[in-house]
Amino acid sequence: MHAYIESILFCAQEPIGIVDIQQCLEERLGAEVPQEDIENALRALVQKYDNDQHAFKIYLIAGGYQFLTKPEYHDILGIYLKQTSKKQLSKAALETLAIIAYRQPTTKNEIEQIRGVSSDYAVQKLLEKGLIAIVGKAETVGHPLLYGTSERFMRYFGINALSDLPQPKDFALPALATEEEMKEEK
């Protein structure tokens, strides 16, 4: 039972109370679980993590239990979170990336015509992150650069080929019911 409680606490994003733990255990085990047994298991788990071997421990907060990082590790987590937030793509970058993925090879001018705004910054960020690459030059006036997705794009989105991308038909909205169909439903 300790391992079940430990796993519940590990995935809980907010403090979880004994009653909620009890309900989970009873559903999983198919039997009644006394609150006293849960309290004893929680005491043992709190003691297990209350030492220097672990960077986190179980805290009692707002009437529930939750795994939290010990205060002495908050600075390293701050650094990590700052770094990961830099890795996230903005809405503009995602729009630009989608256009490139579906229309490649494409020029920045074509991207801007679709988006209706300048895409210099988004294209630059996608190049920096290695999600797109310059794949050549267009055979039009001025020979603008052509952009396409990179191998890193495939890894980032977990696909093996561009054919794995969702197709426009996958995004189709259901047709709206006509007035006659709505009357028939009533």
Foldseek 3Di string as FASTA:
>chain_A
DLVLVVVVQAPDPDFDALVRSQVVVCVVVVDHDDSVVVVVSLVVQQVVQPDPVDQWGWDCDPRGIHIDGDPVCVVVVVVVVVVVVLVDADPLLVLLQVCQLVPPQDFQVVSCVVVVHRNVVSVVVCVVSQQKDFDAFDPDPPRGTTIHGDVVVCVVVVHDDSVPDDDPVVVDDDDDDDPVVVVVVD
